[in-house]
Protein backbone atom coordinates (compact mmCIF):
# COMPACT_ATOMS: atom_id res chain seq x y z
CA MET A 1 7.05 46.41 102.38
CA ILE A 2 10.70 45.25 103.32
CA PRO A 3 13.17 48.25 102.85
CA TYR A 4 15.88 47.43 100.08
CA ARG A 5 18.23 50.20 101.21
CA LEU A 6 19.75 48.64 104.37
CA ASN A 7 23.06 49.20 106.13
CA TRP A 8 25.13 45.95 106.05
CA LYS A 9 24.63 45.49 109.89
CA SER A 10 21.01 45.51 109.69
CA CYS A 11 21.06 41.90 107.82
CA GLY A 12 18.95 40.56 111.10
CA GLY A 13 16.44 43.28 110.62
CA ALA A 14 16.31 42.57 106.92
CA ALA A 15 15.75 38.71 107.99
CA LEU A 16 13.05 39.79 110.47
CA ALA A 17 11.39 41.92 108.18
CA ALA A 18 11.32 39.30 105.42
CA LEU A 19 9.99 37.02 108.06
CA VAL A 20 7.23 39.00 109.16
CA ALA A 21 6.17 40.61 105.72
CA THR A 22 6.37 37.63 103.76
CA ARG A 23 6.23 34.15 105.55
CA ILE A 24 3.51 35.19 107.86
CA PRO A 25 0.99 36.65 105.24
CA ILE A 26 1.56 33.72 102.98
CA LEU A 27 0.78 31.32 106.11
CA LEU A 28 -2.42 33.50 106.98
CA PHE A 29 -3.63 33.10 103.29
CA GLY A 30 -3.37 29.41 103.62
CA LEU A 31 -5.17 29.27 107.00
CA ILE A 32 -8.17 31.41 105.40
CA ALA A 33 -8.05 29.00 102.50
CA THR A 34 -8.13 25.81 104.59
CA LYS A 35 -10.76 27.54 107.05
CA GLY A 36 -7.91 27.34 109.87
CA ASP A 37 -6.82 23.98 109.63
CA LEU A 38 -3.05 24.53 110.21
CA HIS A 39 -2.22 20.82 110.31
CA ARG A 40 -4.09 19.71 107.05
CA MET A 41 -2.89 22.96 105.53
CA LEU A 42 0.74 21.90 106.13
CA ALA A 43 0.43 17.96 105.14
CA ARG A 44 0.98 18.80 101.44
CA TRP A 45 2.71 16.54 98.89
CA ASP A 46 6.43 15.69 99.99
CA THR A 47 5.75 16.77 103.66
CA GLY A 48 4.21 13.13 104.30
CA PHE A 49 7.63 11.55 103.11
CA TYR A 50 9.62 13.87 105.46
CA ALA A 51 7.29 13.24 108.21
CA SER A 52 7.13 9.38 107.64
CA ILE A 53 11.13 9.59 107.99
CA ALA A 54 11.12 11.73 111.08
CA LEU A 55 8.55 9.18 112.67
CA GLU A 56 9.20 5.84 111.49
CA GLY A 57 12.96 5.98 109.52
CA TYR A 58 13.38 4.97 106.23
CA SER A 59 11.99 2.03 103.87
CA TRP A 60 12.73 0.60 100.86
CA ASP A 61 11.46 -2.46 98.68
CA PRO A 62 13.26 -2.56 95.25
CA SER A 63 10.39 -4.19 93.55
CA ILE A 64 8.19 -1.25 93.95
CA THR A 65 8.44 1.04 90.96
CA THR A 66 5.12 2.53 90.48
CA ARG A 67 5.09 4.47 93.50
CA GLY A 68 7.42 6.93 95.35
CA GLN A 69 9.28 5.86 98.39
CA ASN A 70 10.81 7.78 101.37
CA ILE A 71 14.46 6.57 100.54
CA VAL A 72 14.70 9.27 97.95
CA PHE A 73 14.52 12.14 100.33
CA PHE A 74 18.02 13.00 102.28
CA PRO A 75 17.91 12.79 105.51
CA LEU A 76 19.21 16.22 107.27
CA TYR A 77 15.67 17.75 107.09
CA PRO A 78 13.66 15.17 108.57
CA PHE A 79 16.07 14.41 111.22
CA LEU A 80 15.92 17.81 112.41
CA MET A 81 11.91 17.66 112.14
CA ARG A 82 12.27 15.03 114.76
CA ILE A 83 14.67 16.79 117.00
CA LEU A 84 12.28 19.81 117.11
CA ALA A 85 9.25 17.46 117.38
CA PRO A 86 8.89 17.99 121.22
CA LEU A 87 8.67 22.03 120.78
CA ALA A 88 5.87 21.18 118.48
CA GLY A 89 3.79 18.88 121.11
CA GLY A 90 5.48 15.86 119.01
CA ASP A 91 3.75 17.35 115.74
CA VAL A 92 6.66 16.20 113.25
CA VAL A 93 4.76 18.44 110.51
CA LEU A 94 4.55 21.57 112.83
CA ALA A 95 7.96 21.06 113.79
CA GLY A 96 8.90 21.08 109.95
CA LEU A 97 7.17 24.74 109.63
CA MET A 98 8.99 25.77 112.40
CA LEU A 99 12.39 24.39 110.96
CA SER A 100 11.85 26.06 107.90
CA LEU A 101 10.85 29.20 109.18
CA ALA A 102 13.75 29.44 111.48
CA CYS A 103 16.13 28.60 108.30
CA PHE A 104 14.52 31.23 106.24
CA THR A 105 15.29 34.00 108.88
CA VAL A 106 19.01 32.65 109.30
CA GLY A 107 19.39 31.87 105.73
CA VAL A 108 18.21 35.65 104.52
CA ALA A 109 20.38 37.21 107.28
CA LEU A 110 23.58 35.59 105.32
CA LEU A 111 22.01 36.10 101.76
CA TYR A 112 21.94 39.79 102.73
CA ARG A 113 25.66 39.63 104.14
CA LEU A 114 26.78 37.85 101.04
CA ALA A 115 24.90 40.05 98.87
CA ALA A 116 26.69 43.02 100.56
CA LEU A 117 30.13 41.56 99.94
CA GLU A 118 29.30 40.95 96.11
CA ILE A 119 26.94 43.69 95.01
CA GLY A 120 26.82 46.29 97.86
CA ASP A 121 24.53 47.33 100.32
CA THR A 122 21.40 48.92 98.23
CA GLY A 123 21.76 45.54 95.97
CA ALA A 124 21.64 43.20 98.78
CA GLY A 125 18.31 44.67 100.10
CA ALA A 126 16.82 44.28 96.37
CA ALA A 127 18.39 40.94 96.05
CA VAL A 128 16.76 39.75 99.35
CA LEU A 129 13.53 41.54 98.31
CA PHE A 130 13.11 39.42 94.88
CA LEU A 131 14.05 36.28 96.45
CA VAL A 132 11.42 36.15 99.33
CA THR A 133 8.59 37.64 96.89
CA TYR A 134 9.66 35.45 93.90
CA PRO A 135 6.69 33.22 93.22
CA PHE A 136 7.97 29.75 93.96
CA SER A 137 9.41 31.00 97.21
CA LEU A 138 6.05 30.02 98.80
CA PHE A 139 8.01 27.01 99.92
CA PHE A 140 10.12 28.75 102.51
CA SER A 141 6.44 28.70 104.40
CA ALA A 142 6.15 24.90 104.05
CA SER A 143 7.57 21.94 105.54
CA TYR A 144 9.99 21.38 102.55
CA THR A 145 13.52 21.52 102.56
CA GLU A 146 13.73 25.01 100.54
CA SER A 147 14.65 26.80 103.60
CA LEU A 148 17.37 24.49 104.95
CA PHE A 149 18.94 24.23 101.38
CA LEU A 150 19.08 28.12 101.19
CA LEU A 151 20.63 28.36 104.57
CA VAL A 152 23.32 25.88 104.25
CA THR A 153 24.26 26.88 100.15
CA VAL A 154 24.52 30.55 101.07
CA GLY A 155 26.36 29.63 104.07
CA ALA A 156 29.01 27.86 102.36
CA PHE A 157 29.55 30.36 99.92
CA TYR A 158 29.24 33.46 102.36
CA ALA A 159 31.96 31.42 104.70
CA MET A 160 34.35 30.31 101.82
CA ARG A 161 34.14 33.94 100.54
CA ARG A 162 35.20 35.57 103.96
CA GLU A 163 37.84 32.48 103.90
CA ARG A 164 36.43 30.56 106.85
CA PRO A 165 37.22 26.89 105.79
CA LEU A 166 35.72 24.95 108.93
CA GLU A 167 32.36 27.10 108.63
CA ALA A 168 32.47 26.34 104.99
CA ALA A 169 33.07 22.54 105.16
CA LEU A 170 30.14 22.28 107.77
CA PHE A 171 27.74 23.81 105.74
CA GLY A 172 28.99 22.00 102.62
CA LEU A 173 28.57 18.64 104.51
CA ALA A 174 24.89 19.96 105.52
CA ALA A 175 24.16 20.40 102.03
CA GLY A 176 25.32 17.02 100.67
CA LEU A 177 22.73 15.43 103.59
CA ALA A 178 20.08 18.00 102.55
CA ARG A 179 18.91 16.92 99.13
CA PRO A 180 19.86 14.96 96.19
CA ASN A 181 21.51 17.73 94.35
CA GLY A 182 23.25 19.13 97.36
CA PHE A 183 26.50 17.54 96.45
CA TRP A 184 26.64 19.63 93.43
CA ILE A 185 27.87 22.25 95.54
CA ALA A 186 31.09 20.82 95.86
CA ALA A 187 32.14 22.26 92.35
CA PRO A 188 31.63 25.74 93.10
CA LEU A 189 32.96 25.62 96.52
CA LEU A 190 36.09 24.02 95.00
CA TRP A 191 36.28 26.82 92.64
CA LEU A 192 35.99 29.56 95.38
CA GLY A 193 38.49 27.40 97.26
CA LEU A 194 41.01 27.37 94.55
CA GLU A 195 40.52 31.42 93.59
CA TRP A 196 41.25 31.87 97.34
CA THR A 197 44.38 30.04 97.62
CA LYS A 198 45.71 32.08 94.63
CA SER A 199 46.62 34.90 97.12
CA LYS A 200 48.06 32.56 99.43
CA GLU A 201 50.87 30.68 97.66
CA LYS A 202 53.66 32.58 99.17
CA ASP A 203 52.44 31.78 102.68
CA GLY A 204 51.84 28.25 102.93
CA GLY A 205 50.21 27.86 99.63
CA THR A 206 50.28 24.11 99.35
CA ALA A 207 48.58 23.43 102.90
CA VAL A 208 46.02 25.84 102.01
CA ARG A 209 45.10 24.76 98.59
CA TRP A 210 44.88 21.03 99.88
CA ALA A 211 42.37 22.73 102.73
CA ALA A 212 40.30 24.34 100.07
CA ILE A 213 40.09 21.21 98.31
CA ALA A 214 39.09 19.33 101.24
CA VAL A 215 36.28 22.00 102.24
CA GLY A 216 35.29 22.03 98.34
CA LEU A 217 35.08 18.04 99.09
CA CYS A 218 32.53 18.22 101.84
CA PRO A 219 29.13 17.91 100.00
CA LEU A 220 30.48 14.91 98.25
CA VAL A 221 31.30 13.45 101.66
CA GLY A 222 27.53 14.44 102.93
CA ALA A 223 26.13 12.56 100.20
CA ALA A 224 28.46 9.55 100.46
CA LEU A 225 27.38 9.22 104.11
CA TYR A 226 23.86 8.87 103.23
CA SER A 227 24.82 6.53 100.59
CA GLY A 228 26.90 4.59 103.19
CA TYR A 229 23.96 4.27 105.44
CA LEU A 230 21.77 2.92 102.86
CA HIS A 231 24.37 0.25 101.90
CA VAL A 232 24.28 -1.00 105.53
CA ALA A 233 20.64 -0.73 106.17
CA PHE A 234 19.37 -1.92 102.59
CA GLY A 235 22.45 -3.23 100.85
CA ASP A 236 21.83 -0.49 97.99
CA ALA A 237 24.11 2.54 98.36
CA LEU A 238 22.39 3.74 95.31
CA ALA A 239 18.77 3.28 96.40
CA TRP A 240 17.96 7.29 96.57
CA ILE A 241 18.78 7.34 92.86
CA ARG A 242 16.88 4.21 91.93
CA GLY A 243 13.94 5.19 93.58
CA GLN A 244 13.77 8.42 91.63
CA ALA A 245 12.29 6.22 88.66
CA ALA A 246 8.86 5.93 90.37
CA TRP A 247 8.19 9.80 89.62
CA GLY A 248 9.08 9.35 85.95
CA LEU A 249 8.75 11.95 83.46
CA PRO A 250 5.92 14.32 84.21
CA LEU A 251 3.95 13.46 80.75
CA VAL A 252 1.15 12.10 83.03
CA HIS A 253 -0.41 14.02 86.07
CA GLN A 254 -1.18 10.58 87.87
CA THR A 255 2.33 9.61 88.25
CA ALA A 256 2.91 12.87 90.48
CA PHE A 257 -0.66 11.63 92.26
CA ARG A 258 0.52 8.49 92.82
CA ALA A 259 3.62 9.26 94.55
CA ALA A 260 1.70 12.14 96.76
CA THR A 261 -0.87 9.39 97.86
CA SER A 262 1.91 6.72 98.70
CA SER A 263 2.81 8.29 102.10
CA PRO A 264 3.75 5.21 104.47
CA GLU A 265 1.65 4.77 107.35
CA PRO A 266 0.44 5.94 109.80
CA VAL A 267 1.05 9.37 108.63
CA GLN A 268 -1.31 9.44 105.52
CA LEU A 269 -0.48 13.34 105.10
CA ALA A 270 -0.06 12.97 101.45
CA ALA A 271 -3.19 11.36 101.10
CA ALA A 272 -5.36 13.96 102.92
CA ALA A 273 -3.42 16.40 100.52
CA ALA A 274 -4.75 14.55 97.57
CA SER A 275 -8.46 14.70 98.26
CA PRO A 276 -10.65 15.30 96.68
CA LEU A 277 -10.02 12.98 93.61
CA LEU A 278 -8.48 14.83 90.48
CA SER A 279 -11.02 17.22 88.80
CA SER A 280 -11.12 19.52 85.88
CA ALA A 281 -9.92 22.36 87.92
CA THR A 282 -6.84 20.37 89.08
CA GLU A 283 -5.84 19.77 85.63
CA ALA A 284 -6.22 23.55 84.78
CA VAL A 285 -4.06 24.17 87.71
CA GLU A 286 -1.49 21.64 86.38
CA VAL A 287 -1.49 23.55 83.24
CA VAL A 288 -0.68 26.67 84.85
CA VAL A 289 2.01 25.44 87.24
CA THR A 290 3.66 23.63 84.48
CA THR A 291 3.63 26.55 82.13
CA ALA A 292 5.17 28.58 85.52
CA ASN A 293 7.62 26.11 85.88
CA LEU A 294 9.13 26.19 82.44
CA VAL A 295 9.10 30.03 82.36
CA ALA A 296 11.26 29.51 85.54
CA PHE A 297 13.39 27.23 84.09
CA LEU A 298 14.20 29.08 80.85
CA PHE A 299 14.82 32.29 82.88
CA ALA A 300 17.18 31.00 85.64
CA ILE A 301 18.90 29.03 82.31
CA ALA A 302 19.24 32.45 80.70
CA THR A 303 20.78 34.10 83.39
CA PHE A 304 23.70 31.61 83.59
CA ILE A 305 26.06 33.89 81.50
CA PRO A 306 25.38 37.26 83.16
CA VAL A 307 25.51 35.76 86.37
CA SER A 308 28.79 34.15 85.39
CA ARG A 309 30.19 37.42 84.05
CA ARG A 310 28.98 39.80 86.78
CA LEU A 311 29.47 37.30 90.21
CA GLY A 312 32.08 34.90 88.67
CA LEU A 313 32.02 31.13 87.38
CA ALA A 314 31.67 29.91 90.79
CA TYR A 315 28.04 31.70 91.34
CA GLY A 316 27.10 30.91 87.66
CA MET A 317 27.58 27.43 87.71
CA LEU A 318 25.05 26.79 90.26
CA ILE A 319 22.41 27.32 87.87
CA PRO A 320 22.88 24.46 85.48
CA LEU A 321 24.29 22.06 88.57
CA TYR A 322 20.69 22.68 90.64
CA LEU A 323 18.62 22.63 87.39
CA GLY A 324 20.09 20.17 84.99
CA PRO A 325 20.11 16.84 86.64
CA PRO A 326 16.52 17.18 87.86
CA PHE A 327 15.50 18.50 84.08
CA VAL A 328 16.91 15.40 82.71
CA ALA A 329 15.27 13.19 84.69
CA HIS A 330 11.49 14.83 85.14
CA LEU A 331 11.68 17.82 82.49
CA VAL A 332 10.08 21.09 84.01
CA THR A 333 8.26 19.58 87.23
CA SER A 334 9.36 21.53 90.48
CA MET A 335 11.70 23.77 88.23
CA GLY A 336 9.99 26.89 89.85
CA ARG A 337 10.52 25.23 93.44
CA PHE A 338 14.28 24.63 92.53
CA SER A 339 15.00 27.66 91.13
CA SER A 340 13.89 29.89 94.30
CA VAL A 341 17.08 28.76 95.99
CA ILE A 342 19.17 29.66 93.18
CA PHE A 343 20.24 33.05 94.99
CA PRO A 344 22.76 34.26 92.43
CA MET A 345 20.05 34.88 90.18
CA PHE A 346 18.39 37.27 92.40
CA PHE A 347 21.92 38.97 92.81
CA TRP A 348 21.97 39.29 89.30
CA MET A 349 18.26 40.65 89.06
CA ALA A 350 19.31 43.46 91.83
CA THR A 351 22.20 44.71 89.81
CA THR A 352 19.88 44.67 86.61
CA VAL A 353 16.35 45.86 87.23
CA PRO A 354 16.24 49.80 87.55
CA ARG A 355 15.69 51.18 91.30
CA CYS A 356 12.29 52.44 90.07
CA ARG A 357 10.98 48.98 89.17
CA VAL A 358 12.40 47.11 92.03
CA VAL A 359 9.21 47.43 94.33
CA PRO A 360 6.59 47.07 91.53
CA LEU A 361 8.43 43.73 90.30
CA ALA A 362 8.37 42.65 93.80
CA VAL A 363 4.75 43.21 94.50
CA ALA A 364 3.82 41.52 91.31
CA PHE A 365 6.06 38.51 92.39
CA GLY A 366 4.50 38.81 95.60
CA VAL A 367 1.20 38.56 94.38
CA LEU A 368 1.59 35.55 92.33
CA GLN A 369 3.24 33.84 95.25
CA ALA A 370 0.21 34.36 97.33
CA MET A 371 -2.00 32.69 94.48
CA LEU A 372 0.36 29.96 94.12
CA ALA A 373 0.44 29.31 97.80
CA VAL A 374 -3.06 29.17 98.18
CA LEU A 375 -3.44 26.60 95.61
CA PHE A 376 -0.57 24.58 97.01
CA TYR A 377 -2.09 24.67 100.88
CA LEU A 378 -5.59 23.56 99.32
CA GLY A 379 -4.11 20.51 97.93
CA GLN A 380 -3.62 21.50 94.45
CA PRO A 381 -0.48 20.08 92.36
CA VAL A 382 1.75 23.14 92.92
CA PHE A 383 5.59 21.58 92.39
């Protein structure tokens, strides 16, 4: 079990412990479930789209509205997959796993430091424990963007809190290039920046204020860069928004099935993930996962006020900004996955859950995560 009373200087140890104690076992469960087929285990659902971008770049046909296209997936993660592919023998999917595990480790180290800054060392250990065992944290062990997004958002907050504007700007820019909802981090970064400048008003206050505003806008710059590329390449800067319509509302599971099986050639990764055809067992899994997504969404939203009171509005506003837009577009689909990177929620839990219940709750979380991970690696619709 990961110790949750660690010294601030032990953030690296906490991160490595989290990697060994949670990510590796989850992968081992997947290997056992898939009888050792690592590549097939990893080639699930959205991974096919990331791999297609890494191998062949983007494609966009505005006349296609019934299946997903890779245009909706932002470029930073697949770009890094391609960069790391030579280290994985040219396998971009395996490179994605390597990337996710590396980002997870560094992200947890920064998370521990940020939590120690806000709630103290003991609370930091508990916050890390809750995040890494959270049921939907299984995606930190997949070729998905969760680990990268955790790293860049926590990094941006930590850099801003330590008054390091250049680092905050780089992390913010990366957040805007990482995911469609990454640019929303601009609002809390602006808030943190303006709070920081209040103490600098007598010493170049105006220049510092403009610098803080510039840092806060960096996530928007990231999203604008991708939109600019789409305008040049396809003549439609907002194609990544229009493409979201193919996923529709999660009222009919075939919509997600079509999206998952439409990965462009020659990858065909998502198609392998969707075999065998939908069955009654799959439908039962959908009911369970939908319920879990609903619970995760309601719980995260319920923490908005206590998080804002305990940690400040900058932390609290992450919750509706992360979950609001996808909820409007797709209801509760993927709410559990999206909530896994809402680190202020875990900070608040660390300050609220009695110490005697931290480990039992983390164990319960971990068991649920293992169960969901096995289903995900087997190609069930856990999203």
